Amino acid sequence: MAGMSPLFRRRAEPRERLVTLVRKPGCHLCDDAELVVGKVCGDLGVSWEQKDITEDQALYDRYWEQIPVVLIDGEQHTFWRVNEQRLRRALTE
Protein backbone atom coordinates (compact mmCIF):
# COMPACT_ATOMS: atom_id res chain seq x y z
CA MET A 1 0.00 0.00 0.00
CA ALA A 2 2.94 2.28 -0.52
CA GLY A 3 1.93 5.74 -1.64
CA MET A 4 -1.68 5.25 -0.62
CA SER A 5 -3.33 8.01 1.37
CA PRO A 6 -4.12 7.20 5.03
CA LEU A 7 -7.78 7.75 4.19
CA PHE A 8 -7.74 4.65 2.02
CA ARG A 9 -6.07 2.18 4.39
CA ARG A 10 -7.89 -1.08 4.95
CA ARG A 11 -9.53 -1.52 8.30
CA ALA A 12 -8.18 -4.28 10.50
CA GLU A 13 -10.32 -7.37 10.74
CA PRO A 14 -12.18 -7.62 14.04
CA ARG A 15 -10.49 -10.04 16.38
CA GLU A 16 -12.11 -12.80 18.36
CA ARG A 17 -12.65 -11.74 21.98
CA LEU A 18 -13.38 -13.77 25.10
CA VAL A 19 -14.98 -12.41 28.25
CA THR A 20 -14.60 -14.43 31.44
CA LEU A 21 -16.78 -13.87 34.49
CA VAL A 22 -15.06 -15.13 37.64
CA ARG A 23 -17.73 -15.76 40.28
CA LYS A 24 -18.83 -17.91 43.20
CA PRO A 25 -22.13 -19.58 44.09
CA GLY A 26 -24.62 -17.53 46.12
CA CYS A 27 -23.08 -14.16 45.19
CA HIS A 28 -25.74 -11.57 44.32
CA LEU A 29 -23.17 -9.23 42.73
CA CYS A 30 -22.08 -12.17 40.56
CA ASP A 31 -25.68 -12.70 39.45
CA ASP A 32 -25.93 -9.00 38.55
CA ALA A 33 -22.62 -9.18 36.65
CA GLU A 34 -23.81 -12.26 34.74
CA LEU A 35 -26.85 -10.35 33.46
CA VAL A 36 -24.71 -7.45 32.19
CA VAL A 37 -22.02 -9.67 30.66
CA GLY A 38 -24.64 -11.87 29.00
CA LYS A 39 -26.48 -8.87 27.55
CA VAL A 40 -23.41 -7.05 26.23
CA CYS A 41 -21.74 -10.17 24.83
CA GLY A 42 -25.02 -11.31 23.28
CA ASP A 43 -25.56 -7.92 21.64
CA LEU A 44 -22.02 -7.86 20.25
CA GLY A 45 -21.65 -11.54 19.39
CA VAL A 46 -18.71 -11.94 21.78
CA SER A 47 -17.97 -15.30 23.38
CA TRP A 48 -18.08 -15.47 27.15
CA GLU A 49 -17.63 -18.01 29.91
CA GLN A 50 -18.04 -18.32 33.65
CA LYS A 51 -15.50 -19.72 36.08
CA ASP A 52 -16.29 -20.70 39.66
CA ILE A 53 -13.68 -19.33 42.03
CA THR A 54 -14.37 -22.16 44.50
CA GLU A 55 -13.24 -24.74 41.92
CA ASP A 56 -9.96 -23.10 40.87
CA GLN A 57 -7.27 -22.43 43.49
CA ALA A 58 -5.31 -20.00 41.28
CA LEU A 59 -8.42 -17.88 40.64
CA TYR A 60 -9.29 -18.07 44.34
CA ASP A 61 -5.85 -16.88 45.39
CA ARG A 62 -5.82 -14.02 42.90
CA TYR A 63 -9.40 -12.71 42.96
CA TRP A 64 -11.12 -13.83 46.19
CA GLU A 65 -11.59 -10.29 47.58
CA GLN A 66 -12.68 -8.81 44.24
CA ILE A 67 -15.39 -11.11 42.88
CA PRO A 68 -17.15 -10.88 40.62
CA VAL A 69 -14.26 -10.18 38.29
CA VAL A 70 -14.56 -9.66 34.54
CA LEU A 71 -11.61 -10.54 32.31
CA ILE A 72 -11.32 -9.62 28.65
CA ASP A 73 -8.94 -11.90 26.77
CA GLY A 74 -7.44 -12.93 30.12
CA GLU A 75 -6.79 -9.38 31.35
CA GLN A 76 -8.74 -7.92 34.26
CA HIS A 77 -11.34 -5.42 33.06
CA THR A 78 -13.31 -4.73 36.24
CA PHE A 79 -14.53 -6.16 39.53
CA TRP A 80 -17.47 -5.95 41.96
CA ARG A 81 -19.90 -4.02 39.71
CA VAL A 82 -19.95 -4.28 35.93
CA ASN A 83 -20.77 -1.11 34.01
CA GLU A 84 -22.58 -2.01 30.78
CA GLN A 85 -21.36 0.99 28.77
CA ARG A 86 -17.74 0.55 29.89
CA LEU A 87 -17.76 -3.15 29.00
CA ARG A 88 -19.38 -2.45 25.63
CA ARG A 89 -16.78 0.25 24.87
CA ALA A 90 -13.89 -2.05 25.83
CA LEU A 91 -15.19 -4.74 23.48
CA THR A 92 -15.72 -2.45 20.50
CA GLU A 93 -12.52 -0.38 20.56
PDB file of N, CA and C in Angstrom:
ATOM      1  N   MET A   1       0.811  -1.195   0.000  1.00  0.00           N
ATOM      2  CA  MET A   1       0.000   0.000   0.000  1.00  0.00           C
ATOM      3  C   MET A   1       0.851   1.255   0.000  1.00  0.00           C
ATOM      4  N   ALA A   2       2.044   1.132  -0.477  1.00  0.00           N
ATOM      5  CA  ALA A   2       2.938   2.280  -0.524  1.00  0.00           C
ATOM      6  C   ALA A   2       2.319   3.382  -1.374  1.00  0.00           C
ATOM      7  N   GLY A   3       2.423   4.600  -0.897  1.00  0.00           N
ATOM      8  CA  GLY A   3       1.930   5.738  -1.642  1.00  0.00           C
ATOM      9  C   GLY A   3       0.431   5.966  -1.499  1.00  0.00           C
ATOM     10  N   MET A   4      -0.239   5.108  -0.771  1.00  0.00           N
ATOM     11  CA  MET A   4      -1.681   5.246  -0.615  1.00  0.00           C
ATOM     12  C   MET A   4      -1.978   6.222   0.526  1.00  0.00           C
ATOM     13  N   SER A   5      -2.930   7.053   0.358  1.00  0.00           N
ATOM     14  CA  SER A   5      -3.333   8.015   1.372  1.00  0.00           C
ATOM     15  C   SER A   5      -3.857   7.278   2.611  1.00  0.00           C
ATOM     16  N   PRO A   6      -3.606   7.831   3.812  1.00  0.00           N
ATOM     17  CA  PRO A   6      -4.120   7.202   5.035  1.00  0.00           C
ATOM     18  C   PRO A   6      -5.635   7.048   5.024  1.00  0.00           C
ATOM     19  N   LEU A   7      -6.326   7.850   4.246  1.00  0.00           N
ATOM     20  CA  LEU A   7      -7.779   7.751   4.189  1.00  0.00           C
ATOM     21  C   LEU A   7      -8.245   6.459   3.523  1.00  0.00           C
ATOM     22  N   PHE A   8      -7.357   5.829   2.764  1.00  0.00           N
ATOM     23  CA  PHE A   8      -7.744   4.646   2.023  1.00  0.00           C
ATOM     24  C   PHE A   8      -7.141   3.355   2.582  1.00  0.00           C
ATOM     25  N   ARG A   9      -6.614   3.393   3.789  1.00  0.00           N
ATOM     26  CA  ARG A   9      -6.068   2.183   4.393  1.00  0.00           C
ATOM     27  C   ARG A   9      -7.198   1.218   4.730  1.00  0.00           C
ATOM     28  N   ARG A  10      -6.898  -0.057   4.599  1.00  0.00           N
ATOM     29  CA  ARG A  10      -7.889  -1.078   4.954  1.00  0.00           C
ATOM     30  C   ARG A  10      -8.059  -1.132   6.462  1.00  0.00           C
ATOM     31  N   ARG A  11      -9.255  -1.362   6.876  1.00  0.00           N
ATOM     32  CA  ARG A  11      -9.529  -1.522   8.298  1.00  0.00           C
ATOM     33  C   ARG A  11      -9.084  -2.902   8.740  1.00  0.00           C
ATOM     34  N   ALA A  12      -8.598  -2.984   9.958  1.00  0.00           N
ATOM     35  CA  ALA A  12      -8.177  -4.280  10.503  1.00  0.00           C
ATOM     36  C   ALA A  12      -9.408  -5.156  10.705  1.00  0.00           C
ATOM     37  N   GLU A  13      -9.225  -6.423  10.493  1.00  0.00           N
ATOM     38  CA  GLU A  13     -10.316  -7.372  10.737  1.00  0.00           C
ATOM     39  C   GLU A  13     -10.603  -7.421  12.234  1.00  0.00           C
ATOM     40  N   PRO A  14     -11.876  -7.517  12.610  1.00  0.00           N
ATOM     41  CA  PRO A  14     -12.181  -7.621  14.038  1.00  0.00           C
ATOM     42  C   PRO A  14     -11.597  -8.921  14.591  1.00  0.00           C
ATOM     43  N   ARG A  15     -11.084  -8.841  15.803  1.00  0.00           N
ATOM     44  CA  ARG A  15     -10.492 -10.041  16.383  1.00  0.00           C
ATOM     45  C   ARG A  15     -11.489 -10.734  17.294  1.00  0.00           C
ATOM     46  N   GLU A  16     -11.276 -11.995  17.483  1.00  0.00           N
ATOM     47  CA  GLU A  16     -12.107 -12.799  18.362  1.00  0.00           C
ATOM     48  C   GLU A  16     -11.796 -12.400  19.799  1.00  0.00           C
ATOM     49  N   ARG A  17     -12.811 -12.142  20.577  1.00  0.00           N
ATOM     50  CA  ARG A  17     -12.647 -11.740  21.980  1.00  0.00           C
ATOM     51  C   ARG A  17     -13.261 -12.813  22.864  1.00  0.00           C
ATOM     52  N   LEU A  18     -12.797 -12.868  24.110  1.00  0.00           N
ATOM     53  CA  LEU A  18     -13.380 -13.771  25.098  1.00  0.00           C
ATOM     54  C   LEU A  18     -13.496 -13.035  26.415  1.00  0.00           C
ATOM     55  N   VAL A  19     -14.717 -13.006  26.935  1.00  0.00           N
ATOM     56  CA  VAL A  19     -14.978 -12.412  28.246  1.00  0.00           C
ATOM     57  C   VAL A  19     -15.143 -13.553  29.238  1.00  0.00           C
ATOM     58  N   THR A  20     -14.487 -13.431  30.382  1.00  0.00           N
ATOM     59  CA  THR A  20     -14.595 -14.426  31.443  1.00  0.00           C
ATOM     60  C   THR A  20     -15.155 -13.758  32.681  1.00  0.00           C
ATOM     61  N   LEU A  21     -16.206 -14.341  33.235  1.00  0.00           N
ATOM     62  CA  LEU A  21     -16.777 -13.871  34.492  1.00  0.00           C
ATOM     63  C   LEU A  21     -16.323 -14.833  35.580  1.00  0.00           C
ATOM     64  N   VAL A  22     -15.525 -14.335  36.514  1.00  0.00           N
ATOM     65  CA  VAL A  22     -15.062 -15.129  37.645  1.00  0.00           C
ATOM     66  C   VAL A  22     -16.031 -14.855  38.792  1.00  0.00           C
ATOM     67  N   ARG A  23     -16.648 -15.922  39.305  1.00  0.00           N
ATOM     68  CA  ARG A  23     -17.727 -15.763  40.282  1.00  0.00           C
ATOM     69  C   ARG A  23     -17.713 -16.876  41.295  1.00  0.00           C
ATOM     70  N   LYS A  24     -18.645 -16.814  42.244  1.00  0.00           N
ATOM     71  CA  LYS A  24     -18.835 -17.907  43.197  1.00  0.00           C
ATOM     72  C   LYS A  24     -20.334 -18.114  43.404  1.00  0.00           C
ATOM     73  N   PRO A  25     -20.722 -19.302  43.844  1.00  0.00           N
ATOM     74  CA  PRO A  25     -22.134 -19.578  44.094  1.00  0.00           C
ATOM     75  C   PRO A  25     -22.683 -18.693  45.216  1.00  0.00           C
ATOM     76  N   GLY A  26     -23.943 -18.289  45.081  1.00  0.00           N
ATOM     77  CA  GLY A  26     -24.622 -17.527  46.119  1.00  0.00           C
ATOM     78  C   GLY A  26     -24.218 -16.066  46.210  1.00  0.00           C
ATOM     79  N   CYS A  27     -23.565 -15.544  45.203  1.00  0.00           N
ATOM     80  CA  CYS A  27     -23.082 -14.163  45.195  1.00  0.00           C
ATOM     81  C   CYS A  27     -24.050 -13.303  44.378  1.00  0.00           C
ATOM     82  N   HIS A  28     -24.763 -12.393  45.048  1.00  0.00           N
ATOM     83  CA  HIS A  28     -25.742 -11.568  44.324  1.00  0.00           C
ATOM     84  C   HIS A  28     -25.071 -10.609  43.350  1.00  0.00           C
ATOM     85  N   LEU A  29     -23.883 -10.090  43.683  1.00  0.00           N
ATOM     86  CA  LEU A  29     -23.170  -9.230  42.734  1.00  0.00           C
ATOM     87  C   LEU A  29     -22.762 -10.016  41.493  1.00  0.00           C
ATOM     88  N   CYS A  30     -22.444 -11.303  41.695  1.00  0.00           N
ATOM     89  CA  CYS A  30     -22.083 -12.166  40.565  1.00  0.00           C
ATOM     90  C   CYS A  30     -23.281 -12.375  39.645  1.00  0.00           C
ATOM     91  N   ASP A  31     -24.461 -12.547  40.244  1.00  0.00           N
ATOM     92  CA  ASP A  31     -25.680 -12.698  39.449  1.00  0.00           C
ATOM     93  C   ASP A  31     -25.948 -11.439  38.630  1.00  0.00           C
ATOM     94  N   ASP A  32     -25.756 -10.272  39.262  1.00  0.00           N
ATOM     95  CA  ASP A  32     -25.932  -8.999  38.547  1.00  0.00           C
ATOM     96  C   ASP A  32     -24.931  -8.883  37.402  1.00  0.00           C
ATOM     97  N   ALA A  33     -23.675  -9.246  37.671  1.00  0.00           N
ATOM     98  CA  ALA A  33     -22.624  -9.175  36.653  1.00  0.00           C
ATOM     99  C   ALA A  33     -22.940 -10.111  35.491  1.00  0.00           C
ATOM    100  N   GLU A  34     -23.467 -11.295  35.794  1.00  0.00           N
ATOM    101  CA  GLU A  34     -23.815 -12.257  34.741  1.00  0.00           C
ATOM    102  C   GLU A  34     -24.852 -11.679  33.781  1.00  0.00           C
ATOM    103  N   LEU A  35     -25.825 -10.964  34.317  1.00  0.00           N
ATOM    104  CA  LEU A  35     -26.847 -10.355  33.460  1.00  0.00           C
ATOM    105  C   LEU A  35     -26.231  -9.326  32.508  1.00  0.00           C
ATOM    106  N   VAL A  36     -25.331  -8.490  33.024  1.00  0.00           N
ATOM    107  CA  VAL A  36     -24.707  -7.449  32.194  1.00  0.00           C
ATOM    108  C   VAL A  36     -23.794  -8.085  31.151  1.00  0.00           C
ATOM    109  N   VAL A  37     -22.942  -9.013  31.583  1.00  0.00           N
ATOM    110  CA  VAL A  37     -22.016  -9.666  30.658  1.00  0.00           C
ATOM    111  C   VAL A  37     -22.791 -10.405  29.571  1.00  0.00           C
ATOM    112  N   GLY A  38     -23.823 -11.136  29.969  1.00  0.00           N
ATOM    113  CA  GLY A  38     -24.636 -11.866  28.999  1.00  0.00           C
ATOM    114  C   GLY A  38     -25.290 -10.951  27.979  1.00  0.00           C
ATOM    115  N   LYS A  39     -25.813  -9.826  28.450  1.00  0.00           N
ATOM    116  CA  LYS A  39     -26.477  -8.875  27.545  1.00  0.00           C
ATOM    117  C   LYS A  39     -25.482  -8.265  26.563  1.00  0.00           C
ATOM    118  N   VAL A  40     -24.387  -7.724  27.082  1.00  0.00           N
ATOM    119  CA  VAL A  40     -23.408  -7.051  26.226  1.00  0.00           C
ATOM    120  C   VAL A  40     -22.792  -8.038  25.236  1.00  0.00           C
ATOM    121  N   CYS A  41     -22.371  -9.189  25.724  1.00  0.00           N
ATOM    122  CA  CYS A  41     -21.737 -10.169  24.830  1.00  0.00           C
ATOM    123  C   CYS A  41     -22.744 -10.692  23.804  1.00  0.00           C
ATOM    124  N   GLY A  42     -23.989 -10.878  24.216  1.00  0.00           N
ATOM    125  CA  GLY A  42     -25.025 -11.305  23.283  1.00  0.00           C
ATOM    126  C   GLY A  42     -25.275 -10.272  22.199  1.00  0.00           C
ATOM    127  N   ASP A  43     -25.350  -9.004  22.600  1.00  0.00           N
ATOM    128  CA  ASP A  43     -25.561  -7.919  21.637  1.00  0.00           C
ATOM    129  C   ASP A  43     -24.425  -7.827  20.623  1.00  0.00           C
ATOM    130  N   LEU A  44     -23.194  -8.057  21.101  1.00  0.00           N
ATOM    131  CA  LEU A  44     -22.018  -7.863  20.252  1.00  0.00           C
ATOM    132  C   LEU A  44     -21.515  -9.146  19.599  1.00  0.00           C
ATOM    133  N   GLY A  45     -22.108 -10.268  19.949  1.00  0.00           N
ATOM    134  CA  GLY A  45     -21.651 -11.538  19.392  1.00  0.00           C
ATOM    135  C   GLY A  45     -20.288 -11.963  19.913  1.00  0.00           C
ATOM    136  N   VAL A  46     -19.989 -11.603  21.153  1.00  0.00           N
ATOM    137  CA  VAL A  46     -18.709 -11.936  21.775  1.00  0.00           C
ATOM    138  C   VAL A  46     -18.882 -13.175  22.647  1.00  0.00           C
ATOM    139  N   SER A  47     -17.939 -14.087  22.553  1.00  0.00           N
ATOM    140  CA  SER A  47     -17.970 -15.297  23.376  1.00  0.00           C
ATOM    141  C   SER A  47     -17.683 -14.950  24.825  1.00  0.00           C
ATOM    142  N   TRP A  48     -18.364 -15.681  25.740  1.00  0.00           N
ATOM    143  CA  TRP A  48     -18.079 -15.475  27.151  1.00  0.00           C
ATOM    144  C   TRP A  48     -18.246 -16.776  27.907  1.00  0.00           C
ATOM    145  N   GLU A  49     -17.615 -16.828  29.071  1.00  0.00           N
ATOM    146  CA  GLU A  49     -17.633 -18.014  29.906  1.00  0.00           C
ATOM    147  C   GLU A  49     -17.684 -17.594  31.368  1.00  0.00           C
ATOM    148  N   GLN A  50     -18.050 -18.538  32.215  1.00  0.00           N
ATOM    149  CA  GLN A  50     -18.036 -18.317  33.652  1.00  0.00           C
ATOM    150  C   GLN A  50     -17.075 -19.302  34.285  1.00  0.00           C
ATOM    151  N   LYS A  51     -16.372 -18.845  35.307  1.00  0.00           N
ATOM    152  CA  LYS A  51     -15.499 -19.724  36.081  1.00  0.00           C
ATOM    153  C   LYS A  51     -15.839 -19.549  37.547  1.00  0.00           C
ATOM    154  N   ASP A  52     -15.952 -20.678  38.246  1.00  0.00           N
ATOM    155  CA  ASP A  52     -16.287 -20.701  39.665  1.00  0.00           C
ATOM    156  C   ASP A  52     -15.007 -20.614  40.477  1.00  0.00           C
ATOM    157  N   ILE A  53     -14.889 -19.564  41.251  1.00  0.00           N
ATOM    158  CA  ILE A  53     -13.676 -19.329  42.027  1.00  0.00           C
ATOM    159  C   ILE A  53     -13.445 -20.424  43.068  1.00  0.00           C
ATOM    160  N   THR A  54     -14.516 -21.112  43.498  1.00  0.00           N
ATOM    161  CA  THR A  54     -14.369 -22.164  44.504  1.00  0.00           C
ATOM    162  C   THR A  54     -13.828 -23.458  43.914  1.00  0.00           C
ATOM    163  N   GLU A  55     -13.735 -23.524  42.581  1.00  0.00           N
ATOM    164  CA  GLU A  55     -13.243 -24.737  41.923  1.00  0.00           C
ATOM    165  C   GLU A  55     -11.865 -24.549  41.288  1.00  0.00           C
ATOM    166  N   ASP A  56     -11.250 -23.384  41.495  1.00  0.00           N
ATOM    167  CA  ASP A  56      -9.956 -23.098  40.865  1.00  0.00           C
ATOM    168  C   ASP A  56      -9.088 -22.335  41.867  1.00  0.00           C
ATOM    169  N   GLN A  57      -8.104 -23.020  42.434  1.00  0.00           N
ATOM    170  CA  GLN A  57      -7.275 -22.427  43.492  1.00  0.00           C
ATOM    171  C   GLN A  57      -6.534 -21.181  43.020  1.00  0.00           C
ATOM    172  N   ALA A  58      -6.039 -21.178  41.792  1.00  0.00           N
ATOM    173  CA  ALA A  58      -5.309 -20.004  41.283  1.00  0.00           C
ATOM    174  C   ALA A  58      -6.230 -18.788  41.200  1.00  0.00           C
ATOM    175  N   LEU A  59      -7.455 -18.978  40.695  1.00  0.00           N
ATOM    176  CA  LEU A  59      -8.417 -17.877  40.641  1.00  0.00           C
ATOM    177  C   LEU A  59      -8.784 -17.421  42.050  1.00  0.00           C
ATOM    178  N   TYR A  60      -8.962 -18.381  42.942  1.00  0.00           N
ATOM    179  CA  TYR A  60      -9.293 -18.070  44.337  1.00  0.00           C
ATOM    180  C   TYR A  60      -8.206 -17.189  44.953  1.00  0.00           C
ATOM    181  N   ASP A  61      -6.962 -17.619  44.800  1.00  0.00           N
ATOM    182  CA  ASP A  61      -5.849 -16.878  45.387  1.00  0.00           C
ATOM    183  C   ASP A  61      -5.737 -15.467  44.817  1.00  0.00           C
ATOM    184  N   ARG A  62      -6.007 -15.319  43.554  1.00  0.00           N
ATOM    185  CA  ARG A  62      -5.820 -14.023  42.898  1.00  0.00           C
ATOM    186  C   ARG A  62      -7.003 -13.063  43.083  1.00  0.00           C
ATOM    187  N   TYR A  63      -8.237 -13.597  43.058  1.00  0.00           N
ATOM    188  CA  TYR A  63      -9.402 -12.713  42.964  1.00  0.00           C
ATOM    189  C   TYR A  63     -10.392 -12.796  44.123  1.00  0.00           C
ATOM    190  N   TRP A  64     -10.121 -13.574  45.160  1.00  0.00           N
ATOM    191  CA  TRP A  64     -11.125 -13.825  46.193  1.00  0.00           C
ATOM    192  C   TRP A  64     -11.783 -12.553  46.729  1.00  0.00           C
ATOM    193  N   GLU A  65     -11.023 -11.504  46.983  1.00  0.00           N
ATOM    194  CA  GLU A  65     -11.586 -10.288  47.577  1.00  0.00           C
ATOM    195  C   GLU A  65     -12.205  -9.347  46.553  1.00  0.00           C
ATOM    196  N   GLN A  66     -12.192  -9.710  45.274  1.00  0.00           N
ATOM    197  CA  GLN A  66     -12.681  -8.807  44.237  1.00  0.00           C
ATOM    198  C   GLN A  66     -13.906  -9.327  43.495  1.00  0.00           C
ATOM    199  N   ILE A  67     -14.342 -10.539  43.728  1.00  0.00           N
ATOM    200  CA  ILE A  67     -15.392 -11.110  42.883  1.00  0.00           C
ATOM    201  C   ILE A  67     -16.698 -10.338  42.993  1.00  0.00           C
ATOM    202  N   PRO A  68     -17.448 -10.314  41.924  1.00  0.00           N
ATOM    203  CA  PRO A  68     -17.154 -10.877  40.621  1.00  0.00           C
ATOM    204  C   PRO A  68     -16.071 -10.077  39.896  1.00  0.00           C
ATOM    205  N   VAL A  69     -15.319 -10.779  39.092  1.00  0.00           N
ATOM    206  CA  VAL A  69     -14.261 -10.177  38.288  1.00  0.00           C
ATOM    207  C   VAL A  69     -14.556 -10.471  36.822  1.00  0.00           C
ATOM    208  N   VAL A  70     -14.385  -9.474  35.977  1.00  0.00           N
ATOM    209  CA  VAL A  70     -14.557  -9.661  34.539  1.00  0.00           C
ATOM    210  C   VAL A  70     -13.195  -9.526  33.874  1.00  0.00           C
ATOM    211  N   LEU A  71     -12.845 -10.540  33.087  1.00  0.00           N
ATOM    212  CA  LEU A  71     -11.611 -10.537  32.314  1.00  0.00           C
ATOM    213  C   LEU A  71     -11.966 -10.421  30.834  1.00  0.00           C
ATOM    214  N   ILE A  72     -11.190  -9.677  30.100  1.00  0.00           N
ATOM    215  CA  ILE A  72     -11.320  -9.623  28.649  1.00  0.00           C
ATOM    216  C   ILE A  72     -10.013 -10.157  28.074  1.00  0.00           C
ATOM    217  N   ASP A  73     -10.121 -11.250  27.346  1.00  0.00           N
ATOM    218  CA  ASP A  73      -8.938 -11.897  26.772  1.00  0.00           C
ATOM    219  C   ASP A  73      -7.884 -12.168  27.848  1.00  0.00           C
ATOM    220  N   GLY A  74      -8.342 -12.561  29.034  1.00  0.00           N
ATOM    221  CA  GLY A  74      -7.444 -12.932  30.119  1.00  0.00           C
ATOM    222  C   GLY A  74      -6.925 -11.791  30.967  1.00  0.00           C
ATOM    223  N   GLU A  75      -7.234 -10.555  30.597  1.00  0.00           N
ATOM    224  CA  GLU A  75      -6.786  -9.383  31.347  1.00  0.00           C
ATOM    225  C   GLU A  75      -7.948  -8.815  32.150  1.00  0.00           C
ATOM    226  N   GLN A  76      -7.672  -8.436  33.405  1.00  0.00           N
ATOM    227  CA  GLN A  76      -8.740  -7.922  34.258  1.00  0.00           C
ATOM    228  C   GLN A  76      -9.306  -6.621  33.694  1.00  0.00           C
ATOM    229  N   HIS A  77     -10.630  -6.603  33.543  1.00  0.00           N
ATOM    230  CA  HIS A  77     -11.339  -5.415  33.064  1.00  0.00           C
ATOM    231  C   HIS A  77     -11.951  -4.657  34.241  1.00  0.00           C
ATOM    232  N   THR A  78     -12.634  -5.379  35.117  1.00  0.00           N
ATOM    233  CA  THR A  78     -13.309  -4.732  36.243  1.00  0.00           C
ATOM    234  C   THR A  78     -13.603  -5.760  37.322  1.00  0.00           C
ATOM    235  N   PHE A  79     -14.087  -5.273  38.458  1.00  0.00           N
ATOM    236  CA  PHE A  79     -14.528  -6.159  39.531  1.00  0.00           C
ATOM    237  C   PHE A  79     -15.644  -5.496  40.318  1.00  0.00           C
ATOM    238  N   TRP A  80     -16.310  -6.297  41.149  1.00  0.00           N
ATOM    239  CA  TRP A  80     -17.471  -5.950  41.960  1.00  0.00           C
ATOM    240  C   TRP A  80     -18.691  -5.589  41.115  1.00  0.00           C
ATOM    241  N   ARG A  81     -18.735  -4.422  40.526  1.00  0.00           N
ATOM    242  CA  ARG A  81     -19.896  -4.019  39.714  1.00  0.00           C
ATOM    243  C   ARG A  81     -19.466  -3.829  38.266  1.00  0.00           C
ATOM    244  N   VAL A  82     -20.274  -4.353  37.351  1.00  0.00           N
ATOM    245  CA  VAL A  82     -19.945  -4.276  35.926  1.00  0.00           C
ATOM    246  C   VAL A  82     -20.780  -3.177  35.288  1.00  0.00           C
ATOM    247  N   ASN A  83     -20.101  -2.207  34.693  1.00  0.00           N
ATOM    248  CA  ASN A  83     -20.773  -1.115  34.013  1.00  0.00           C
ATOM    249  C   ASN A  83     -20.987  -1.512  32.552  1.00  0.00           C
ATOM    250  N   GLU A  84     -22.246  -1.554  32.135  1.00  0.00           N
ATOM    251  CA  GLU A  84     -22.578  -2.010  30.779  1.00  0.00           C
ATOM    252  C   GLU A  84     -21.894  -1.178  29.695  1.00  0.00           C
ATOM    253  N   GLN A  85     -21.942   0.135  29.806  1.00  0.00           N
ATOM    254  CA  GLN A  85     -21.357   0.990  28.771  1.00  0.00           C
ATOM    255  C   GLN A  85     -19.837   0.824  28.706  1.00  0.00           C
ATOM    256  N   ARG A  86     -19.205   0.712  29.861  1.00  0.00           N
ATOM    257  CA  ARG A  86     -17.741   0.555  29.887  1.00  0.00           C
ATOM    258  C   ARG A  86     -17.329  -0.776  29.265  1.00  0.00           C
ATOM    259  N   LEU A  87     -18.056  -1.839  29.581  1.00  0.00           N
ATOM    260  CA  LEU A  87     -17.756  -3.150  28.997  1.00  0.00           C
ATOM    261  C   LEU A  87     -17.980  -3.113  27.488  1.00  0.00           C
ATOM    262  N   ARG A  88     -19.071  -2.550  27.070  1.00  0.00           N
ATOM    263  CA  ARG A  88     -19.377  -2.448  25.631  1.00  0.00           C
ATOM    264  C   ARG A  88     -18.281  -1.679  24.889  1.00  0.00           C
ATOM    265  N   ARG A  89     -17.834  -0.567  25.475  1.00  0.00           N
ATOM    266  CA  ARG A  89     -16.783   0.250  24.874  1.00  0.00           C
ATOM    267  C   ARG A  89     -15.475  -0.554  24.774  1.00  0.00           C
ATOM    268  N   ALA A  90     -15.139  -1.274  25.823  1.00  0.00           N
ATOM    269  CA  ALA A  90     -13.892  -2.054  25.829  1.00  0.00           C
ATOM    270  C   ALA A  90     -13.911  -3.143  24.761  1.00  0.00           C
ATOM    271  N   LEU A  91     -15.079  -3.672  24.457  1.00  0.00           N
ATOM    272  CA  LEU A  91     -15.192  -4.743  23.476  1.00  0.00           C
ATOM    273  C   LEU A  91     -15.313  -4.257  22.031  1.00  0.00           C
ATOM    274  N   THR A  92     -15.550  -2.968  21.858  1.00  0.00           N
ATOM    275  CA  THR A  92     -15.723  -2.447  20.501  1.00  0.00           C
ATOM    276  C   THR A  92     -14.595  -1.527  20.061  1.00  0.00           C
ATOM    277  N   GLU A  93     -13.655  -1.259  20.932  1.00  0.00           N
ATOM    278  CA  GLU A  93     -12.524  -0.380  20.556  1.00  0.00           C
ATOM    279  C   GLU A  93     -11.507  -1.128  19.753  1.00  0.00           C
TER     280      GLU A  93
END
